[in-house]
Amino acid sequence: LHHVNLATDRVGEMAGFYRDVLGLEVPESDVP
């Protein structure tokens, strides 16, 4: 398993949610 892709019309808002609420980080390597 490498990734799950979620299609959205609100990329910025979604990114903030996953970082701020779930505590995920921006990957430092293996970024497409």
Full PDB file with SEQRES, HELIX, SHEET, SSBOND, CRYST1, ORIGX, SCALE, CONECT and MASTER records, all heavy atoms in Angstrom:
SEQRES   1 A   32  LEU HIS HIS VAL ASN LEU ALA THR ASP ARG VAL GLY GLU          
SEQRES   2 A   32  MET ALA GLY PHE TYR ARG ASP VAL LEU GLY LEU GLU VAL          
SEQRES   3 A   32  PRO GLU SER ASP VAL PRO                                      
HELIX    1 AA1 VAL A   11  ASP A   20  1                                  10    
CRYST1    1.000    1.000    1.000  90.00  90.00  90.00 P 1           1          
ORIGX1      1.000000  0.000000  0.000000        0.00000                         
ORIGX2      0.000000  1.000000  0.000000        0.00000                         
ORIGX3      0.000000  0.000000  1.000000        0.00000                         
SCALE1      1.000000  0.000000  0.000000        0.00000                         
SCALE2      0.000000  1.000000  0.000000        0.00000                         
SCALE3      0.000000  0.000000  1.000000        0.00000                         
ATOM      1  N   LEU A   1       0.848  -1.183   0.000  1.00  0.00           N  
ATOM      2  CA  LEU A   1       0.000   0.000   0.000  1.00  0.00           C  
ATOM      3  C   LEU A   1       0.885   1.235   0.000  1.00  0.00           C  
ATOM      4  O   LEU A   1       1.782   1.362   0.840  1.00  0.00           O  
ATOM      5  CB  LEU A   1      -0.930  -0.002   1.213  1.00  0.00           C  
ATOM      6  CG  LEU A   1      -1.892   1.172   1.331  1.00  0.00           C  
ATOM      7  CD1 LEU A   1      -2.848   1.230   0.137  1.00  0.00           C  
ATOM      8  CD2 LEU A   1      -2.679   1.068   2.635  1.00  0.00           C  
ATOM      9  N   HIS A   2       0.671   2.134  -0.941  1.00  0.00           N  
ATOM     10  CA  HIS A   2       1.470   3.347  -1.024  1.00  0.00           C  
ATOM     11  C   HIS A   2       0.682   4.585  -0.618  1.00  0.00           C  
ATOM     12  O   HIS A   2       1.149   5.392   0.165  1.00  0.00           O  
ATOM     13  CB  HIS A   2       2.030   3.538  -2.436  1.00  0.00           C  
ATOM     14  CG  HIS A   2       2.905   4.737  -2.543  1.00  0.00           C  
ATOM     15  ND1 HIS A   2       2.424   5.975  -2.929  1.00  0.00           N  
ATOM     16  CD2 HIS A   2       4.212   4.895  -2.287  1.00  0.00           C  
ATOM     17  CE1 HIS A   2       3.417   6.841  -2.921  1.00  0.00           C  
ATOM     18  NE2 HIS A   2       4.510   6.213  -2.520  1.00  0.00           N  
ATOM     19  N   HIS A   3      -0.528   4.756  -1.190  1.00  0.00           N  
ATOM     20  CA  HIS A   3      -1.323   5.923  -0.834  1.00  0.00           C  
ATOM     21  C   HIS A   3      -2.801   5.704  -1.088  1.00  0.00           C  
ATOM     22  O   HIS A   3      -3.193   4.810  -1.824  1.00  0.00           O  
ATOM     23  CB  HIS A   3      -0.839   7.182  -1.569  1.00  0.00           C  
ATOM     24  CG  HIS A   3      -1.075   7.192  -3.056  1.00  0.00           C  
ATOM     25  ND1 HIS A   3      -0.146   6.746  -3.962  1.00  0.00           N  
ATOM     26  CD2 HIS A   3      -2.130   7.611  -3.801  1.00  0.00           C  
ATOM     27  CE1 HIS A   3      -0.620   6.891  -5.187  1.00  0.00           C  
ATOM     28  NE2 HIS A   3      -1.830   7.413  -5.128  1.00  0.00           N  
ATOM     29  N   VAL A   4      -3.576   6.563  -0.456  1.00  0.00           N  
ATOM     30  CA  VAL A   4      -4.994   6.684  -0.718  1.00  0.00           C  
ATOM     31  C   VAL A   4      -5.184   8.064  -1.314  1.00  0.00           C  
ATOM     32  O   VAL A   4      -4.652   9.051  -0.792  1.00  0.00           O  
ATOM     33  CB  VAL A   4      -5.820   6.536   0.580  1.00  0.00           C  
ATOM     34  CG1 VAL A   4      -7.286   6.808   0.328  1.00  0.00           C  
ATOM     35  CG2 VAL A   4      -5.613   5.156   1.182  1.00  0.00           C  
ATOM     36  N   ASN A   5      -5.917   8.147  -2.420  1.00  0.00           N  
ATOM     37  CA  ASN A   5      -6.173   9.415  -3.087  1.00  0.00           C  
ATOM     38  C   ASN A   5      -7.625   9.799  -2.839  1.00  0.00           C  
ATOM     39  O   ASN A   5      -8.533   9.016  -3.140  1.00  0.00           O  
ATOM     40  CB  ASN A   5      -5.895   9.285  -4.588  1.00  0.00           C  
ATOM     41  CG  ASN A   5      -6.223  10.547  -5.340  1.00  0.00           C  
ATOM     42  OD1 ASN A   5      -7.379  10.901  -5.501  1.00  0.00           O  
ATOM     43  ND2 ASN A   5      -5.195  11.212  -5.816  1.00  0.00           N  
ATOM     44  N   LEU A   6      -7.826  10.990  -2.298  1.00  0.00           N  
ATOM     45  CA  LEU A   6      -9.169  11.512  -2.104  1.00  0.00           C  
ATOM     46  C   LEU A   6      -9.376  12.657  -3.084  1.00  0.00           C  
ATOM     47  O   LEU A   6      -8.596  13.605  -3.104  1.00  0.00           O  
ATOM     48  CB  LEU A   6      -9.356  12.013  -0.672  1.00  0.00           C  
ATOM     49  CG  LEU A   6      -9.136  10.974   0.438  1.00  0.00           C  
ATOM     50  CD1 LEU A   6      -9.276  11.625   1.802  1.00  0.00           C  
ATOM     51  CD2 LEU A   6     -10.105   9.815   0.292  1.00  0.00           C  
ATOM     52  N   ALA A   7     -10.411  12.572  -3.909  1.00  0.00           N  
ATOM     53  CA  ALA A   7     -10.728  13.638  -4.853  1.00  0.00           C  
ATOM     54  C   ALA A   7     -11.594  14.674  -4.139  1.00  0.00           C  
ATOM     55  O   ALA A   7     -12.549  14.324  -3.442  1.00  0.00           O  
ATOM     56  CB  ALA A   7     -11.457  13.069  -6.064  1.00  0.00           C  
ATOM     57  N   THR A   8     -11.245  15.943  -4.314  1.00  0.00           N  
ATOM     58  CA  THR A   8     -11.922  17.010  -3.590  1.00  0.00           C  
ATOM     59  C   THR A   8     -11.961  18.287  -4.426  1.00  0.00           C  
ATOM     60  O   THR A   8     -11.147  18.464  -5.329  1.00  0.00           O  
ATOM     61  CB  THR A   8     -11.213  17.297  -2.245  1.00  0.00           C  
ATOM     62  OG1 THR A   8     -11.897  18.356  -1.557  1.00  0.00           O  
ATOM     63  CG2 THR A   8      -9.760  17.698  -2.450  1.00  0.00           C  
ATOM     64  N   ASP A   9     -12.882  19.147  -4.091  1.00  0.00           N  
ATOM     65  CA  ASP A   9     -12.914  20.475  -4.687  1.00  0.00           C  
ATOM     66  C   ASP A   9     -12.294  21.507  -3.748  1.00  0.00           C  
ATOM     67  O   ASP A   9     -12.274  22.691  -4.056  1.00  0.00           O  
ATOM     68  CB  ASP A   9     -14.370  20.868  -5.013  1.00  0.00           C  
ATOM     69  CG  ASP A   9     -14.962  19.983  -6.093  1.00  0.00           C  
ATOM     70  OD1 ASP A   9     -14.244  19.667  -7.065  1.00  0.00           O  
ATOM     71  OD2 ASP A   9     -16.133  19.584  -5.961  1.00  0.00           O  
ATOM     72  N   ARG A  10     -11.792  21.043  -2.580  1.00  0.00           N  
ATOM     73  CA  ARG A  10     -11.231  21.943  -1.567  1.00  0.00           C  
ATOM     74  C   ARG A  10      -9.872  21.436  -1.081  1.00  0.00           C  
ATOM     75  O   ARG A  10      -9.717  21.053   0.073  1.00  0.00           O  
ATOM     76  CB  ARG A  10     -12.210  22.048  -0.403  1.00  0.00           C  
ATOM     77  CG  ARG A  10     -13.584  22.552  -0.858  1.00  0.00           C  
ATOM     78  CD  ARG A  10     -14.577  22.612   0.254  1.00  0.00           C  
ATOM     79  NE  ARG A  10     -14.762  21.287   0.858  1.00  0.00           N  
ATOM     80  CZ  ARG A  10     -15.646  21.022   1.785  1.00  0.00           C  
ATOM     81  NH1 ARG A  10     -16.420  21.957   2.252  1.00  0.00           N  
ATOM     82  NH2 ARG A  10     -15.765  19.807   2.263  1.00  0.00           N  
ATOM     83  N   VAL A  11      -8.890  21.434  -1.958  1.00  0.00           N  
ATOM     84  CA  VAL A  11      -7.572  20.867  -1.639  1.00  0.00           C  
ATOM     85  C   VAL A  11      -6.961  21.536  -0.412  1.00  0.00           C  
ATOM     86  O   VAL A  11      -6.508  20.865   0.516  1.00  0.00           O  
ATOM     87  CB  VAL A  11      -6.621  20.948  -2.854  1.00  0.00           C  
ATOM     88  CG1 VAL A  11      -5.208  20.528  -2.468  1.00  0.00           C  
ATOM     89  CG2 VAL A  11      -7.144  20.091  -4.000  1.00  0.00           C  
ATOM     90  N   GLY A  12      -6.929  22.857  -0.384  1.00  0.00           N  
ATOM     91  CA  GLY A  12      -6.313  23.569   0.742  1.00  0.00           C  
ATOM     92  C   GLY A  12      -6.991  23.287   2.064  1.00  0.00           C  
ATOM     93  O   GLY A  12      -6.325  23.039   3.084  1.00  0.00           O  
ATOM     94  N   GLU A  13      -8.301  23.330   2.078  1.00  0.00           N  
ATOM     95  CA  GLU A  13      -9.054  23.062   3.303  1.00  0.00           C  
ATOM     96  C   GLU A  13      -8.838  21.623   3.768  1.00  0.00           C  
ATOM     97  O   GLU A  13      -8.653  21.359   4.965  1.00  0.00           O  
ATOM     98  CB  GLU A  13     -10.535  23.325   3.063  1.00  0.00           C  
ATOM     99  CG  GLU A  13     -11.390  23.162   4.287  1.00  0.00           C  
ATOM    100  CD  GLU A  13     -12.862  23.443   4.020  1.00  0.00           C  
ATOM    101  OE1 GLU A  13     -13.205  24.042   2.977  1.00  0.00           O  
ATOM    102  OE2 GLU A  13     -13.682  23.040   4.862  1.00  0.00           O  
ATOM    103  N   MET A  14      -8.851  20.700   2.840  1.00  0.00           N  
ATOM    104  CA  MET A  14      -8.611  19.296   3.180  1.00  0.00           C  
ATOM    105  C   MET A  14      -7.210  19.093   3.737  1.00  0.00           C  
ATOM    106  O   MET A  14      -7.017  18.384   4.721  1.00  0.00           O  
ATOM    107  CB  MET A  14      -8.829  18.408   1.958  1.00  0.00           C  
ATOM    108  CG  MET A  14     -10.280  18.295   1.538  1.00  0.00           C  
ATOM    109  SD  MET A  14     -11.221  17.166   2.573  1.00  0.00           S  
ATOM    110  CE  MET A  14     -10.700  15.598   1.874  1.00  0.00           C  
ATOM    111  N   ALA A  15      -6.224  19.717   3.108  1.00  0.00           N  
ATOM    112  CA  ALA A  15      -4.840  19.578   3.583  1.00  0.00           C  
ATOM    113  C   ALA A  15      -4.717  20.101   5.010  1.00  0.00           C  
ATOM    114  O   ALA A  15      -4.079  19.469   5.864  1.00  0.00           O  
ATOM    115  CB  ALA A  15      -3.885  20.299   2.645  1.00  0.00           C  
ATOM    116  N   GLY A  16      -5.323  21.251   5.274  1.00  0.00           N  
ATOM    117  CA  GLY A  16      -5.300  21.802   6.630  1.00  0.00           C  
ATOM    118  C   GLY A  16      -5.945  20.866   7.628  1.00  0.00           C  
ATOM    119  O   GLY A  16      -5.431  20.657   8.738  1.00  0.00           O  
ATOM    120  N   PHE A  17      -7.066  20.283   7.269  1.00  0.00           N  
ATOM    121  CA  PHE A  17      -7.755  19.338   8.142  1.00  0.00           C  
ATOM    122  C   PHE A  17      -6.869  18.144   8.473  1.00  0.00           C  
ATOM    123  O   PHE A  17      -6.706  17.771   9.637  1.00  0.00           O  
ATOM    124  CB  PHE A  17      -9.058  18.859   7.490  1.00  0.00           C  
ATOM    125  CG  PHE A  17      -9.766  17.813   8.283  1.00  0.00           C  
ATOM    126  CD1 PHE A  17     -10.654  18.155   9.290  1.00  0.00           C  
ATOM    127  CD2 PHE A  17      -9.550  16.463   8.033  1.00  0.00           C  
ATOM    128  CE1 PHE A  17     -11.317  17.184  10.026  1.00  0.00           C  
ATOM    129  CE2 PHE A  17     -10.201  15.481   8.764  1.00  0.00           C  
ATOM    130  CZ  PHE A  17     -11.085  15.846   9.772  1.00  0.00           C  
ATOM    131  N   TYR A  18      -6.285  17.533   7.454  1.00  0.00           N  
ATOM    132  CA  TYR A  18      -5.478  16.331   7.686  1.00  0.00           C  
ATOM    133  C   TYR A  18      -4.200  16.639   8.469  1.00  0.00           C  
ATOM    134  O   TYR A  18      -3.739  15.809   9.256  1.00  0.00           O  
ATOM    135  CB  TYR A  18      -5.173  15.618   6.364  1.00  0.00           C  
ATOM    136  CG  TYR A  18      -6.335  14.759   5.924  1.00  0.00           C  
ATOM    137  CD1 TYR A  18      -7.405  15.310   5.218  1.00  0.00           C  
ATOM    138  CD2 TYR A  18      -6.407  13.418   6.250  1.00  0.00           C  
ATOM    139  CE1 TYR A  18      -8.498  14.534   4.848  1.00  0.00           C  
ATOM    140  CE2 TYR A  18      -7.485  12.632   5.887  1.00  0.00           C  
ATOM    141  CZ  TYR A  18      -8.527  13.204   5.190  1.00  0.00           C  
ATOM    142  OH  TYR A  18      -9.611  12.437   4.834  1.00  0.00           O  
ATOM    143  N   ARG A  19      -3.653  17.842   8.278  1.00  0.00           N  
ATOM    144  CA  ARG A  19      -2.466  18.220   9.059  1.00  0.00           C  
ATOM    145  C   ARG A  19      -2.853  18.618  10.485  1.00  0.00           C  
ATOM    146  O   ARG A  19      -2.284  18.134  11.459  1.00  0.00           O  
ATOM    147  CB  ARG A  19      -1.728  19.372   8.374  1.00  0.00           C  
ATOM    148  CG  ARG A  19      -0.923  18.964   7.168  1.00  0.00           C  
ATOM    149  CD  ARG A  19      -0.018  20.097   6.678  1.00  0.00           C  
ATOM    150  NE  ARG A  19      -0.683  21.396   6.671  1.00  0.00           N  
ATOM    151  CZ  ARG A  19      -1.292  21.946   5.611  1.00  0.00           C  
ATOM    152  NH1 ARG A  19      -1.298  21.302   4.455  1.00  0.00           N  
ATOM    153  NH2 ARG A  19      -1.857  23.123   5.704  1.00  0.00           N  
ATOM    154  N   ASP A  20      -3.823  19.549  10.602  1.00  0.00           N  
ATOM    155  CA  ASP A  20      -4.135  20.141  11.904  1.00  0.00           C  
ATOM    156  C   ASP A  20      -4.976  19.237  12.796  1.00  0.00           C  
ATOM    157  O   ASP A  20      -4.747  19.163  13.997  1.00  0.00           O  
ATOM    158  CB  ASP A  20      -4.863  21.476  11.708  1.00  0.00           C  
ATOM    159  CG  ASP A  20      -4.030  22.479  10.935  1.00  0.00           C  
ATOM    160  OD1 ASP A  20      -2.792  22.316  10.856  1.00  0.00           O  
ATOM    161  OD2 ASP A  20      -4.628  23.422  10.376  1.00  0.00           O  
ATOM    162  N   VAL A  21      -5.948  18.571  12.237  1.00  0.00           N  
ATOM    163  CA  VAL A  21      -6.851  17.749  13.046  1.00  0.00           C  
ATOM    164  C   VAL A  21      -6.301  16.341  13.242  1.00  0.00           C  
ATOM    165  O   VAL A  21      -6.325  15.803  14.344  1.00  0.00           O  
ATOM    166  CB  VAL A  21      -8.266  17.713  12.424  1.00  0.00           C  
ATOM    167  CG1 VAL A  21      -9.185  16.785  13.202  1.00  0.00           C  
ATOM    168  CG2 VAL A  21      -8.859  19.124  12.370  1.00  0.00           C  
ATOM    169  N   LEU A  22      -5.778  15.736  12.172  1.00  0.00           N  
ATOM    170  CA  LEU A  22      -5.267  14.374  12.290  1.00  0.00           C  
ATOM    171  C   LEU A  22      -3.781  14.311  12.623  1.00  0.00           C  
ATOM    172  O   LEU A  22      -3.260  13.243  12.929  1.00  0.00           O  
ATOM    173  CB  LEU A  22      -5.545  13.595  11.002  1.00  0.00           C  
ATOM    174  CG  LEU A  22      -7.024  13.370  10.693  1.00  0.00           C  
ATOM    175  CD1 LEU A  22      -7.183  12.577   9.417  1.00  0.00           C  
ATOM    176  CD2 LEU A  22      -7.725  12.677  11.848  1.00  0.00           C  
ATOM    177  N   GLY A  23      -3.092  15.435  12.526  1.00  0.00           N  
ATOM    178  CA  GLY A  23      -1.675  15.471  12.880  1.00  0.00           C  
ATOM    179  C   GLY A  23      -0.748  14.840  11.861  1.00  0.00           C  
ATOM    180  O   GLY A  23       0.382  14.479  12.180  1.00  0.00           O  
ATOM    181  N   LEU A  24      -1.221  14.692  10.617  1.00  0.00           N  
ATOM    182  CA  LEU A  24      -0.350  14.149   9.576  1.00  0.00           C  
ATOM    183  C   LEU A  24       0.649  15.213   9.137  1.00  0.00           C  
ATOM    184  O   LEU A  24       0.446  16.407   9.345  1.00  0.00           O  
ATOM    185  CB  LEU A  24      -1.183  13.657   8.394  1.00  0.00           C  
ATOM    186  CG  LEU A  24      -2.205  12.565   8.715  1.00  0.00           C  
ATOM    187  CD1 LEU A  24      -2.933  12.135   7.448  1.00  0.00           C  
ATOM    188  CD2 LEU A  24      -1.560  11.366   9.390  1.00  0.00           C  
ATOM    189  N   GLU A  25       1.724  14.756   8.528  1.00  0.00           N  
ATOM    190  CA  GLU A  25       2.796  15.661   8.109  1.00  0.00           C  
ATOM    191  C   GLU A  25       2.949  15.632   6.604  1.00  0.00           C  
ATOM    192  O   GLU A  25       2.517  14.690   5.934  1.00  0.00           O  
ATOM    193  CB  GLU A  25       4.110  15.234   8.764  1.00  0.00           C  
ATOM    194  CG  GLU A  25       4.062  15.292  10.280  1.00  0.00           C  
ATOM    195  CD  GLU A  25       5.349  14.806  10.920  1.00  0.00           C  
ATOM    196  OE1 GLU A  25       6.273  14.375  10.207  1.00  0.00           O  
ATOM    197  OE2 GLU A  25       5.408  14.853  12.163  1.00  0.00           O  
ATOM    198  N   VAL A  26       3.602  16.653   6.074  1.00  0.00           N  
ATOM    199  CA  VAL A  26       3.940  16.676   4.647  1.00  0.00           C  
ATOM    200  C   VAL A  26       5.105  15.711   4.465  1.00  0.00           C  
ATOM    201  O   VAL A  26       6.102  15.798   5.197  1.00  0.00           O  
ATOM    202  CB  VAL A  26       4.321  18.104   4.207  1.00  0.00           C  
ATOM    203  CG1 VAL A  26       4.790  18.113   2.759  1.00  0.00           C  
ATOM    204  CG2 VAL A  26       3.141  19.046   4.405  1.00  0.00           C  
ATOM    205  N   PRO A  27       5.023  14.776   3.531  1.00  0.00           N  
ATOM    206  CA  PRO A  27       6.121  13.820   3.347  1.00  0.00           C  
ATOM    207  C   PRO A  27       7.398  14.527   2.903  1.00  0.00           C  
ATOM    208  O   PRO A  27       7.352  15.481   2.126  1.00  0.00           O  
ATOM    209  CB  PRO A  27       5.611  12.863   2.265  1.00  0.00           C  
ATOM    210  CG  PRO A  27       4.388  13.472   1.695  1.00  0.00           C  
ATOM    211  CD  PRO A  27       3.920  14.548   2.596  1.00  0.00           C  
ATOM    212  N   GLU A  28       8.518  14.040   3.409  1.00  0.00           N  
ATOM    213  CA  GLU A  28       9.808  14.621   3.064  1.00  0.00           C  
ATOM    214  C   GLU A  28      10.478  13.896   1.901  1.00  0.00           C  
ATOM    215  O   GLU A  28      11.421  14.419   1.314  1.00  0.00           O  
ATOM    216  CB  GLU A  28      10.721  14.607   4.286  1.00  0.00           C  
ATOM    217  CG  GLU A  28      10.218  15.502   5.402  1.00  0.00           C  
ATOM    218  CD  GLU A  28      11.134  15.508   6.598  1.00  0.00           C  
ATOM    219  OE1 GLU A  28      12.293  15.054   6.479  1.00  0.00           O  
ATOM    220  OE2 GLU A  28      10.692  15.963   7.666  1.00  0.00           O  
ATOM    221  N   SER A  29      10.030  12.701   1.578  1.00  0.00           N  
ATOM    222  CA  SER A  29      10.613  11.935   0.472  1.00  0.00           C  
ATOM    223  C   SER A  29       9.513  11.173  -0.249  1.00  0.00           C  
ATOM    224  O   SER A  29       8.394  11.057   0.250  1.00  0.00           O  
ATOM    225  CB  SER A  29      11.681  10.968   0.997  1.00  0.00           C  
ATOM    226  OG  SER A  29      11.088  10.024   1.876  1.00  0.00           O  
ATOM    227  N   ASP A  30       9.853  10.684  -1.416  1.00  0.00           N  
ATOM    228  CA  ASP A  30       8.933   9.891  -2.229  1.00  0.00           C  
ATOM    229  C   ASP A  30       7.652  10.655  -2.561  1.00  0.00           C  
ATOM    230  O   ASP A  30       6.567  10.102  -2.601  1.00  0.00           O  
ATOM    231  CB  ASP A  30       8.610   8.558  -1.545  1.00  0.00           C  
ATOM    232  CG  ASP A  30       8.023   7.538  -2.526  1.00  0.00           C  
ATOM    233  OD1 ASP A  30       8.280   7.666  -3.742  1.00  0.00           O  
ATOM    234  OD2 ASP A  30       7.296   6.637  -2.073  1.00  0.00           O  
ATOM    235  N   VAL A  31       7.794  11.966  -2.763  1.00  0.00           N  
ATOM    236  CA  VAL A  31       6.653  12.803  -3.130  1.00  0.00           C  
ATOM    237  C   VAL A  31       6.541  12.815  -4.658  1.00  0.00           C  
ATOM    238  O   VAL A  31       7.517  13.108  -5.347  1.00  0.00           O  
ATOM    239  CB  VAL A  31       6.821  14.235  -2.595  1.00  0.00           C  
ATOM    240  CG1 VAL A  31       5.645  15.108  -3.013  1.00  0.00           C  
ATOM    241  CG2 VAL A  31       6.965  14.214  -1.079  1.00  0.00           C  
ATOM    242  N   PRO A  32       5.377  12.503  -5.191  1.00  0.00           N  
ATOM    243  CA  PRO A  32       5.219  12.489  -6.649  1.00  0.00           C  
ATOM    244  C   PRO A  32       5.495  13.849  -7.275  1.00  0.00           C  
ATOM    245  O   PRO A  32       5.095  14.879  -6.741  1.00  0.00           O  
ATOM    246  CB  PRO A  32       3.753  12.101  -6.849  1.00  0.00           C  
ATOM    247  CG  PRO A  32       3.326  11.505  -5.562  1.00  0.00           C  
ATOM    248  CD  PRO A  32       4.151  12.134  -4.498  1.00  0.00           C  
TER     249      PRO A  32                                                      
MASTER        0    0    0    1    0    0    0    6  248    1    0    3          
END                                                                             
